[in-house]
Amino acid sequence: MRNTKKLVLVTVSALLIGAAFPYVDFAMDKTYEQLKVIVDVLELIKDSYVEQIDPQKLVYGAAKGMVAELDDFSQFMEPDVYDRVKSDTEGEFGGIGIRVDVKDGWLTVVTPLPGTPAWNAGMMPGDKIVKIEGKTTRDMVIDEAIKQLRGKPGTKVNITTAREPEDKNADWITKDISITRELIKTENVKWKMLDDKLGYVKIIEFTGHVTENVEKALSELKGKGMEGLVIDLRYNPGGLLAAAVDISKMFMNDNKMIVYTKGRKPENYQEFRANGTAPYETLPLVILINRYSASASEIVSGAMQDNKRAVIVGERSFGKASVQSMIPLSDKSALRLTIAKYYTPSGKSIQHDANNEHGGIIPDIPVKVPLETEKKLLQQDEELFYPGKKEEDKPEKKKDSVPDEVLNRAVELLKAREVLGNLKPAAK
């Protein structure tokens, strides 16, 4: 209440100053004029609304409304939410086994991990989690949503999902699901030889130790005779910028641009370039992406594409490449604000722009995969790479298995390159 009165007094004072000094800064006058609308609405609600409302709740609501006009990743956090986001989860925690991101304001499944509670409950890529324990996830802070999905193994969490129908004109299909959390263990890199010459590395997330794991994978594959490589970034939600840059440096040098950030302020411009010696600079390379490849995945694929270092195969990527700054506020609330965006070396904005259909990485060779086929491919992939299994222990190909058309196209490209590289003019 006291803060509101101060706000009104400040606004009135500004108007009086403007009348006395007509040359006062116009931008300041305009800001106070716009702010007066919020103050007027606040006072009218306090005085005339049918029920008494906590003014602080209204102020927070106004802040959330302002930030909601910006993008999916800028967020206002009330003190209790900010406190939970800051705190580290201690000890062992359980989850339902999904990777999530925010798209169009909703918590969206990037991929369910095969064999996990989410997978067994029938969740699929692209599903929206619209409620957690009956509370809408619309514009929910993603860190808060993840914390609500996590919990002690054996405990339950109730969610509501929405799935886009095959008929674009039909309503989304909603489903209430009760899921028992389990201890979720994941890997960030998997690899194998596709044949006696082609290697395959799947980067699941750009999390801790991913760079070392990719180095280990490439070294092992090289020892097995690798002469060409497929890097699979499908369903990869991103992770650490440093990891994306370091992995790109394995394939490029000569100070080539990997990615740069740019915002309204000059200090938000920053370049990330290759340097030193790239151990795999000449290794033929194809990168696989799909509509759930985001953030760090897009940085790597964008750098390789713009520098003509790799061929990109699959679907247009997610389009998440913005830099957020966490700004604590005076009452212990906080603002997570987008201050810059990532751009590929050629200057293309990675960030998705729904209005102008910009953003994301557009593949050099597009290959679309039906949703039901995607689910079968995820299951097949998990069976092939099950932790602890050796190459000779892999299961025989099942009768109902489906071909991975995106991977097959990549293999064709690498083999065609080898054949074309061996062509020589006929002797006269």
Protein backbone atom coordinates (compact mmCIF):
# COMPACT_ATOMS: atom_id res chain seq x y z
CA MET A 1 0.00 0.00 0.00
CA ARG A 2 2.77 2.39 0.98
CA ASN A 3 4.69 1.58 -2.23
CA THR A 4 1.58 2.29 -4.31
CA LYS A 5 1.15 5.74 -2.72
CA LYS A 6 4.80 6.52 -3.40
CA LEU A 7 4.32 5.44 -7.00
CA VAL A 8 1.32 7.74 -7.40
CA LEU A 9 3.21 10.67 -5.84
CA VAL A 10 6.20 10.10 -8.12
CA THR A 11 3.91 10.05 -11.15
CA VAL A 12 2.07 13.22 -10.14
CA SER A 13 5.37 14.96 -9.39
CA ALA A 14 6.70 14.05 -12.80
CA LEU A 15 3.64 15.53 -14.49
CA LEU A 16 4.02 18.79 -12.52
CA ILE A 17 7.70 19.05 -13.40
CA GLY A 18 6.81 18.50 -17.03
CA ALA A 19 4.34 21.40 -16.91
CA ALA A 20 6.85 23.74 -15.27
CA PHE A 21 9.76 22.73 -17.50
CA PRO A 22 8.46 21.99 -21.02
CA TYR A 23 11.89 20.91 -22.21
CA VAL A 24 12.11 17.97 -19.81
CA ASP A 25 13.20 14.77 -21.51
CA PHE A 26 10.34 13.53 -23.70
CA ALA A 27 11.19 9.86 -23.21
CA MET A 28 10.90 10.25 -19.43
CA ASP A 29 7.54 12.00 -19.78
CA LYS A 30 6.33 9.16 -22.02
CA THR A 31 7.44 6.49 -19.53
CA TYR A 32 5.63 8.15 -16.63
CA GLU A 33 2.54 8.62 -18.78
CA GLN A 34 2.50 4.91 -19.60
CA LEU A 35 3.19 4.00 -15.99
CA LYS A 36 0.20 6.08 -14.88
CA VAL A 37 -2.13 3.66 -16.68
CA ILE A 38 -0.88 0.80 -14.49
CA VAL A 39 -1.26 2.91 -11.34
CA ASP A 40 -4.80 3.95 -12.34
CA VAL A 41 -5.82 0.33 -12.96
CA LEU A 42 -4.29 -0.73 -9.66
CA GLU A 43 -6.19 1.97 -7.74
CA LEU A 44 -9.50 1.20 -9.49
CA ILE A 45 -9.22 -2.51 -8.66
CA LYS A 46 -8.36 -1.75 -5.03
CA ASP A 47 -11.27 0.67 -4.65
CA SER A 48 -14.04 -0.91 -6.72
CA TYR A 49 -13.44 -4.62 -7.35
CA VAL A 50 -16.11 -6.86 -5.83
CA GLU A 51 -13.60 -8.53 -3.49
CA GLN A 52 -10.59 -7.20 -1.62
CA ILE A 53 -7.33 -8.03 -3.42
CA ASP A 54 -3.76 -8.03 -2.14
CA PRO A 55 -2.03 -5.11 -3.95
CA GLN A 56 1.26 -7.04 -4.04
CA LYS A 57 -0.44 -9.81 -5.98
CA LEU A 58 -1.64 -7.24 -8.52
CA VAL A 59 1.86 -5.76 -8.88
CA TYR A 60 3.34 -9.21 -9.50
CA GLY A 61 0.57 -9.93 -11.98
CA ALA A 62 1.40 -6.73 -13.87
CA ALA A 63 5.09 -7.65 -13.93
CA LYS A 64 4.32 -11.13 -15.26
CA GLY A 65 2.04 -9.62 -17.89
CA MET A 66 4.74 -7.25 -19.11
CA VAL A 67 7.35 -9.99 -19.36
CA ALA A 68 4.89 -12.34 -21.10
CA GLU A 69 4.81 -9.87 -24.01
CA LEU A 70 8.52 -10.49 -24.68
CA ASP A 71 9.36 -14.15 -25.46
CA ASP A 72 9.10 -17.68 -24.09
CA PHE A 73 12.32 -17.43 -22.11
CA SER A 74 12.08 -14.09 -20.29
CA GLN A 75 10.29 -14.64 -16.98
CA PHE A 76 9.34 -12.78 -13.80
CA MET A 77 9.82 -14.87 -10.66
CA GLU A 78 8.13 -14.14 -7.36
CA PRO A 79 10.42 -14.43 -4.31
CA ASP A 80 9.40 -18.00 -3.39
CA VAL A 81 9.85 -19.22 -6.97
CA TYR A 82 13.21 -17.47 -7.33
CA ASP A 83 14.34 -18.99 -4.05
CA ARG A 84 13.45 -22.50 -5.27
CA VAL A 85 15.15 -21.91 -8.62
CA LYS A 86 18.36 -20.78 -6.89
CA SER A 87 18.51 -23.69 -4.49
CA ASP A 88 20.29 -26.85 -5.62
CA THR A 89 18.48 -30.15 -5.37
CA GLU A 90 20.30 -32.10 -2.68
CA GLY A 91 20.88 -35.84 -2.72
CA GLU A 92 19.27 -38.35 -5.02
CA PHE A 93 16.17 -37.31 -6.92
CA GLY A 94 13.68 -39.05 -9.11
CA GLY A 95 11.91 -37.96 -12.25
CA ILE A 96 9.61 -39.18 -14.98
CA GLY A 97 12.23 -39.40 -17.75
CA ILE A 98 11.61 -36.59 -20.21
CA ARG A 99 13.55 -33.70 -21.67
CA VAL A 100 11.45 -30.57 -21.85
CA ASP A 101 11.59 -27.06 -23.23
CA VAL A 102 9.18 -24.15 -23.62
CA LYS A 103 7.43 -23.59 -26.94
CA ASP A 104 4.57 -21.15 -27.57
CA GLY A 105 4.38 -20.53 -23.83
CA TRP A 106 3.82 -24.18 -22.91
CA LEU A 107 6.07 -26.81 -21.36
CA THR A 108 6.82 -29.14 -24.29
CA VAL A 109 8.24 -32.66 -24.38
CA VAL A 110 11.42 -32.77 -26.46
CA THR A 111 11.74 -36.52 -26.04
CA PRO A 112 10.70 -39.18 -23.54
CA LEU A 113 13.57 -41.47 -22.59
CA PRO A 114 12.73 -45.07 -23.56
CA GLY A 115 12.00 -47.35 -20.63
CA THR A 116 11.23 -44.48 -18.23
CA PRO A 117 7.87 -43.72 -16.53
CA ALA A 118 7.07 -41.04 -19.14
CA TRP A 119 7.77 -43.47 -21.97
CA ASN A 120 5.67 -46.21 -20.38
CA ALA A 121 2.83 -43.70 -19.92
CA GLY A 122 2.77 -43.14 -23.69
CA MET A 123 4.20 -39.61 -23.79
CA MET A 124 5.67 -38.59 -27.15
CA PRO A 125 7.80 -35.79 -28.61
CA GLY A 126 5.77 -32.62 -29.06
CA ASP A 127 3.28 -33.34 -26.27
CA LYS A 128 2.44 -30.27 -24.20
CA ILE A 129 2.37 -30.66 -20.41
CA VAL A 130 -0.48 -28.26 -19.72
CA LYS A 131 -0.95 -29.00 -16.01
CA ILE A 132 1.14 -30.30 -13.13
CA GLU A 133 -0.89 -31.25 -10.04
CA GLY A 134 -3.86 -29.36 -11.47
CA LYS A 135 -1.90 -26.11 -11.93
CA THR A 136 -1.49 -24.72 -15.43
CA THR A 137 2.03 -24.62 -16.86
CA ARG A 138 1.19 -21.72 -19.15
CA ASP A 139 4.11 -19.26 -18.86
CA MET A 140 5.48 -21.23 -15.90
CA VAL A 141 9.19 -20.74 -15.19
CA ILE A 142 10.82 -23.83 -16.73
CA ASP A 143 13.11 -24.35 -13.73
CA GLU A 144 10.05 -24.40 -11.48
CA ALA A 145 8.24 -26.86 -13.76
CA ILE A 146 11.22 -29.23 -13.76
CA LYS A 147 11.43 -29.08 -9.96
CA GLN A 148 7.73 -29.97 -9.73
CA LEU A 149 8.20 -32.97 -12.02
CA ARG A 150 11.13 -34.19 -9.94
CA GLY A 151 10.80 -35.78 -6.52
CA LYS A 152 11.67 -38.80 -4.46
CA PRO A 153 11.62 -42.09 -6.39
CA GLY A 154 8.38 -43.91 -5.67
CA THR A 155 6.28 -40.75 -5.29
CA LYS A 156 3.59 -39.82 -7.81
CA VAL A 157 3.04 -36.73 -9.89
CA ASN A 158 -0.22 -35.97 -11.71
CA ILE A 159 0.01 -34.21 -15.06
CA THR A 160 -2.26 -33.32 -17.95
CA THR A 161 -0.89 -33.56 -21.49
CA ALA A 162 -2.17 -32.21 -24.79
CA ARG A 163 -1.26 -33.74 -28.15
CA GLU A 164 -1.77 -32.16 -31.55
CA PRO A 165 -4.19 -34.27 -33.65
CA GLU A 166 -3.45 -35.55 -37.14
CA ASP A 167 -6.33 -33.36 -38.38
CA LYS A 168 -5.02 -29.81 -37.93
CA ASN A 169 -8.60 -28.51 -37.63
CA ALA A 170 -9.50 -30.81 -34.72
CA ASP A 171 -9.04 -30.02 -31.03
CA TRP A 172 -5.89 -31.08 -29.21
CA ILE A 173 -6.22 -34.41 -27.42
CA THR A 174 -5.85 -34.01 -23.65
CA LYS A 175 -5.03 -36.79 -21.21
CA ASP A 176 -4.67 -36.97 -17.41
CA ILE A 177 -1.73 -39.13 -16.32
CA SER A 178 -0.52 -40.22 -12.89
CA ILE A 179 3.17 -41.16 -13.05
CA THR A 180 5.36 -42.73 -10.39
CA ARG A 181 8.81 -41.16 -10.31
CA GLU A 182 11.92 -43.30 -10.67
CA LEU A 183 15.65 -42.67 -10.39
CA ILE A 184 16.64 -41.53 -13.88
CA LYS A 185 20.15 -42.20 -15.14
CA THR A 186 21.16 -40.85 -18.52
CA GLU A 187 24.19 -40.72 -20.78
CA ASN A 188 25.20 -37.71 -22.86
CA VAL A 189 27.13 -39.46 -25.66
CA LYS A 190 26.69 -42.80 -27.48
CA TRP A 191 28.73 -44.08 -30.38
CA LYS A 192 29.35 -47.02 -32.72
CA MET A 193 30.67 -47.93 -36.17
CA LEU A 194 27.97 -48.06 -38.84
CA ASP A 195 30.22 -50.18 -41.05
CA ASP A 196 33.96 -50.67 -41.48
CA LYS A 197 34.50 -47.01 -42.51
CA LEU A 198 31.71 -44.83 -41.11
CA GLY A 199 31.45 -43.74 -37.48
CA TYR A 200 28.34 -42.55 -35.63
CA VAL A 201 28.20 -40.31 -32.55
CA LYS A 202 24.93 -39.40 -30.86
CA ILE A 203 25.15 -36.38 -28.56
CA ILE A 204 22.13 -36.51 -26.26
CA GLU A 205 22.77 -33.31 -24.30
CA PHE A 206 25.57 -30.76 -24.04
CA THR A 207 25.98 -31.37 -20.32
CA GLY A 208 29.02 -31.83 -18.07
CA HIS A 209 31.89 -33.94 -19.47
CA VAL A 210 30.26 -34.12 -22.91
CA THR A 211 33.40 -32.73 -24.58
CA GLU A 212 35.61 -35.40 -23.01
CA ASN A 213 33.10 -38.08 -23.95
CA VAL A 214 32.99 -36.94 -27.58
CA GLU A 215 36.80 -36.93 -27.66
CA LYS A 216 36.79 -40.47 -26.30
CA ALA A 217 34.20 -41.58 -28.85
CA LEU A 218 36.09 -40.10 -31.81
CA SER A 219 39.39 -41.57 -30.66
CA GLU A 220 37.84 -45.03 -30.34
CA LEU A 221 36.09 -44.79 -33.72
CA LYS A 222 39.28 -43.57 -35.39
CA GLY A 223 41.05 -46.61 -33.97
CA LYS A 224 38.43 -48.80 -35.65
CA GLY A 225 39.08 -47.30 -39.07
CA MET A 226 36.61 -44.38 -39.21
CA GLU A 227 36.91 -42.43 -42.49
CA GLY A 228 33.61 -40.53 -42.28
CA LEU A 229 31.31 -39.46 -39.44
CA VAL A 230 27.64 -38.89 -38.66
CA ILE A 231 26.85 -36.70 -35.63
CA ASP A 232 23.27 -37.17 -34.47
CA LEU A 233 21.78 -34.13 -32.70
CA ARG A 234 18.13 -35.13 -33.04
CA TYR A 235 16.09 -34.48 -29.86
CA ASN A 236 19.11 -32.77 -28.30
CA PRO A 237 17.72 -29.84 -26.22
CA GLY A 238 21.11 -28.15 -25.89
CA GLY A 239 23.05 -27.33 -22.77
CA LEU A 240 26.41 -25.64 -22.25
CA LEU A 241 27.59 -23.02 -24.75
CA ALA A 242 31.22 -23.86 -23.93
CA ALA A 243 30.63 -27.50 -24.86
CA ALA A 244 29.10 -26.53 -28.22
CA VAL A 245 32.08 -24.29 -28.97
CA ASP A 246 34.67 -26.86 -27.86
CA ILE A 247 33.10 -29.65 -29.91
CA SER A 248 32.96 -27.37 -32.97
CA LYS A 249 36.68 -26.68 -32.53
CA MET A 250 37.40 -30.37 -33.05
CA PHE A 251 36.34 -29.97 -36.69
CA MET A 252 37.36 -26.37 -37.54
CA ASN A 253 40.33 -24.06 -36.97
CA ASP A 254 41.94 -21.04 -38.70
CA ASN A 255 40.01 -18.63 -36.45
CA LYS A 256 36.71 -19.54 -38.14
CA MET A 257 33.59 -18.06 -36.55
CA ILE A 258 31.48 -20.56 -34.62
CA VAL A 259 28.76 -18.29 -33.23
CA TYR A 260 28.30 -14.74 -31.96
CA THR A 261 25.84 -12.99 -29.66
CA LYS A 262 24.31 -9.58 -30.26
CA GLY A 263 21.91 -7.46 -28.21
CA ARG A 264 20.95 -3.79 -27.94
CA LYS A 265 23.94 -2.97 -25.75
CA PRO A 266 27.48 -3.09 -27.21
CA GLU A 267 28.75 -5.18 -24.29
CA ASN A 268 26.38 -7.99 -25.27
CA TYR A 269 28.28 -8.55 -28.53
CA GLN A 270 30.61 -11.51 -28.19
CA GLU A 271 32.34 -13.73 -30.74
CA PHE A 272 33.31 -17.39 -30.35
CA ARG A 273 35.90 -18.62 -32.81
CA ALA A 274 37.89 -21.77 -33.53
CA ASN A 275 41.59 -21.76 -32.74
CA GLY A 276 44.54 -24.09 -32.49
CA THR A 277 44.62 -27.34 -34.41
CA ALA A 278 41.41 -29.22 -35.15
CA PRO A 279 42.17 -32.97 -34.92
CA TYR A 280 39.32 -33.87 -37.30
CA GLU A 281 39.46 -30.89 -39.66
CA THR A 282 39.26 -32.96 -42.85
CA LEU A 283 37.01 -35.79 -41.66
CA PRO A 284 33.88 -36.00 -43.91
CA LEU A 285 30.93 -35.04 -41.72
CA VAL A 286 27.12 -35.15 -41.80
CA ILE A 287 24.97 -33.77 -38.96
CA LEU A 288 21.41 -34.92 -38.22
CA ILE A 289 18.85 -32.52 -36.69
CA ASN A 290 15.09 -32.40 -36.20
CA ARG A 291 12.47 -30.00 -34.84
CA TYR A 292 13.56 -30.75 -31.27
CA SER A 293 17.25 -29.97 -31.78
CA ALA A 294 17.76 -26.76 -29.83
CA SER A 295 20.23 -24.27 -28.40
CA ALA A 296 23.76 -25.77 -28.35
CA SER A 297 22.70 -28.27 -31.03
CA GLU A 298 21.81 -25.38 -33.31
CA ILE A 299 25.08 -23.60 -32.57
CA VAL A 300 27.10 -26.63 -33.68
CA SER A 301 25.01 -27.40 -36.77
CA GLY A 302 24.83 -23.71 -37.75
CA ALA A 303 28.61 -23.30 -37.46
CA MET A 304 29.26 -26.40 -39.54
CA GLN A 305 26.73 -25.41 -42.17
CA ASP A 306 27.87 -21.81 -42.61
CA ASN A 307 31.53 -22.79 -42.75
CA LYS A 308 30.66 -25.50 -45.31
CA ARG A 309 32.20 -28.03 -42.96
CA ALA A 310 29.26 -30.48 -42.87
CA VAL A 311 26.03 -31.37 -44.63
CA ILE A 312 22.93 -30.96 -42.42
CA VAL A 313 20.16 -33.56 -42.86
CA GLY A 314 16.71 -33.78 -41.26
CA GLU A 315 14.15 -31.17 -40.22
CA ARG A 316 14.29 -27.48 -39.38
CA SER A 317 15.50 -27.17 -35.79
CA PHE A 318 13.69 -25.82 -32.73
CA GLY A 319 14.94 -22.22 -32.86
CA LYS A 320 16.06 -21.58 -29.29
CA ALA A 321 19.11 -19.37 -29.12
CA SER A 322 18.74 -16.47 -26.76
CA VAL A 323 20.91 -15.30 -23.89
CA GLN A 324 19.19 -14.65 -20.55
CA SER A 325 20.45 -12.64 -17.59
CA MET A 326 19.08 -13.27 -14.09
CA ILE A 327 18.44 -9.91 -12.37
CA PRO A 328 17.55 -9.98 -8.64
CA LEU A 329 15.05 -7.29 -7.59
CA SER A 330 14.70 -5.33 -4.34
CA ASP A 331 11.98 -7.51 -2.77
CA LYS A 332 13.86 -10.77 -3.52
CA SER A 333 11.87 -11.45 -6.66
CA ALA A 334 13.83 -11.67 -9.92
CA LEU A 335 13.66 -11.03 -13.63
CA ARG A 336 15.14 -13.42 -16.16
CA LEU A 337 15.54 -11.21 -19.20
CA THR A 338 16.67 -11.98 -22.73
CA ILE A 339 19.56 -9.61 -23.40
CA ALA A 340 21.04 -11.05 -26.60
CA LYS A 341 20.53 -13.63 -29.32
CA TYR A 342 22.85 -16.13 -30.96
CA TYR A 343 23.70 -15.73 -34.63
CA THR A 344 25.36 -18.18 -37.01
CA PRO A 345 28.64 -17.12 -38.69
CA SER A 346 26.74 -15.81 -41.74
CA GLY A 347 24.55 -13.61 -39.53
CA LYS A 348 21.37 -15.70 -39.44
CA SER A 349 19.39 -15.46 -36.20
CA ILE A 350 18.88 -18.90 -34.70
CA GLN A 351 16.01 -17.73 -32.47
CA HIS A 352 12.59 -18.81 -33.78
CA ASP A 353 10.34 -16.00 -34.97
CA ALA A 354 6.83 -17.42 -35.38
CA ASN A 355 5.50 -14.27 -37.06
CA ASN A 356 8.09 -14.17 -39.83
CA GLU A 357 8.97 -17.88 -39.90
CA HIS A 358 12.63 -17.11 -39.26
CA GLY A 359 15.06 -18.93 -37.04
CA GLY A 360 16.21 -22.46 -36.49
CA ILE A 361 18.68 -24.26 -38.72
CA ILE A 362 17.26 -25.23 -42.11
CA PRO A 363 18.79 -28.55 -43.25
CA ASP A 364 20.65 -28.79 -46.54
CA ILE A 365 18.70 -31.99 -47.21
CA PRO A 366 15.25 -32.08 -45.58
CA VAL A 367 13.84 -35.45 -44.48
CA LYS A 368 10.49 -35.59 -42.65
CA VAL A 369 9.72 -38.52 -40.32
CA PRO A 370 6.16 -39.41 -39.12
CA LEU A 371 5.59 -39.20 -35.35
CA GLU A 372 4.78 -42.91 -34.95
CA THR A 373 7.98 -43.83 -36.79
CA GLU A 374 9.93 -41.49 -34.48
CA LYS A 375 8.67 -43.38 -31.44
CA LYS A 376 9.78 -46.74 -32.87
CA LEU A 377 13.17 -45.31 -33.78
CA LEU A 378 13.65 -44.04 -30.23
CA GLN A 379 12.91 -47.49 -28.88
CA GLN A 380 15.26 -49.16 -31.36
CA ASP A 381 18.00 -46.71 -30.47
CA GLU A 382 17.66 -47.48 -26.77
CA GLU A 383 17.87 -51.23 -27.39
CA LEU A 384 21.01 -50.79 -29.48
CA PHE A 385 22.79 -48.56 -26.97
CA TYR A 386 21.56 -50.05 -23.72
CA PRO A 387 24.22 -49.24 -21.06
CA GLY A 388 26.65 -52.10 -20.50
CA LYS A 389 25.86 -53.92 -23.71
CA LYS A 390 28.71 -54.78 -26.04
CA GLU A 391 28.52 -54.55 -29.82
CA GLU A 392 28.36 -58.34 -30.15
CA ASP A 393 25.48 -58.49 -27.65
CA LYS A 394 23.16 -56.22 -29.63
CA PRO A 395 19.75 -57.75 -30.40
CA GLU A 396 18.87 -59.09 -33.81
CA LYS A 397 16.83 -56.84 -36.02
CA LYS A 398 13.15 -57.24 -35.14
CA LYS A 399 10.48 -57.87 -37.74
CA ASP A 400 8.56 -54.71 -36.76
CA SER A 401 11.66 -52.47 -36.76
CA VAL A 402 11.57 -49.41 -39.02
CA PRO A 403 14.38 -47.94 -41.15
CA ASP A 404 15.97 -44.69 -40.02
CA GLU A 405 15.56 -42.72 -43.25
CA VAL A 406 17.46 -39.69 -41.94
CA LEU A 407 20.49 -41.75 -40.92
CA ASN A 408 20.30 -43.77 -44.14
CA ARG A 409 20.41 -40.55 -46.17
CA ALA A 410 23.50 -39.44 -44.26
CA VAL A 411 25.25 -42.75 -44.96
CA GLU A 412 24.38 -42.45 -48.66
CA LEU A 413 25.93 -38.97 -48.77
CA LEU A 414 29.16 -40.10 -47.14
CA LYS A 415 29.46 -43.12 -49.41
CA ALA A 416 28.69 -41.03 -52.50
CA ARG A 417 31.41 -38.59 -51.44
CA GLU A 418 33.88 -41.45 -51.18
CA VAL A 419 32.94 -42.78 -54.61
CA LEU A 420 33.04 -39.33 -56.23
CA GLY A 421 36.38 -38.60 -54.57
CA ASN A 422 37.85 -41.72 -56.18
CA LEU A 423 36.69 -40.82 -59.68
CA LYS A 424 39.49 -40.09 -62.12
CA PRO A 425 39.43 -39.03 -65.78
CA ALA A 426 39.78 -41.92 -68.18
CA ALA A 427 43.16 -42.29 -69.86
CA LYS A 428 43.26 -41.19 -73.49
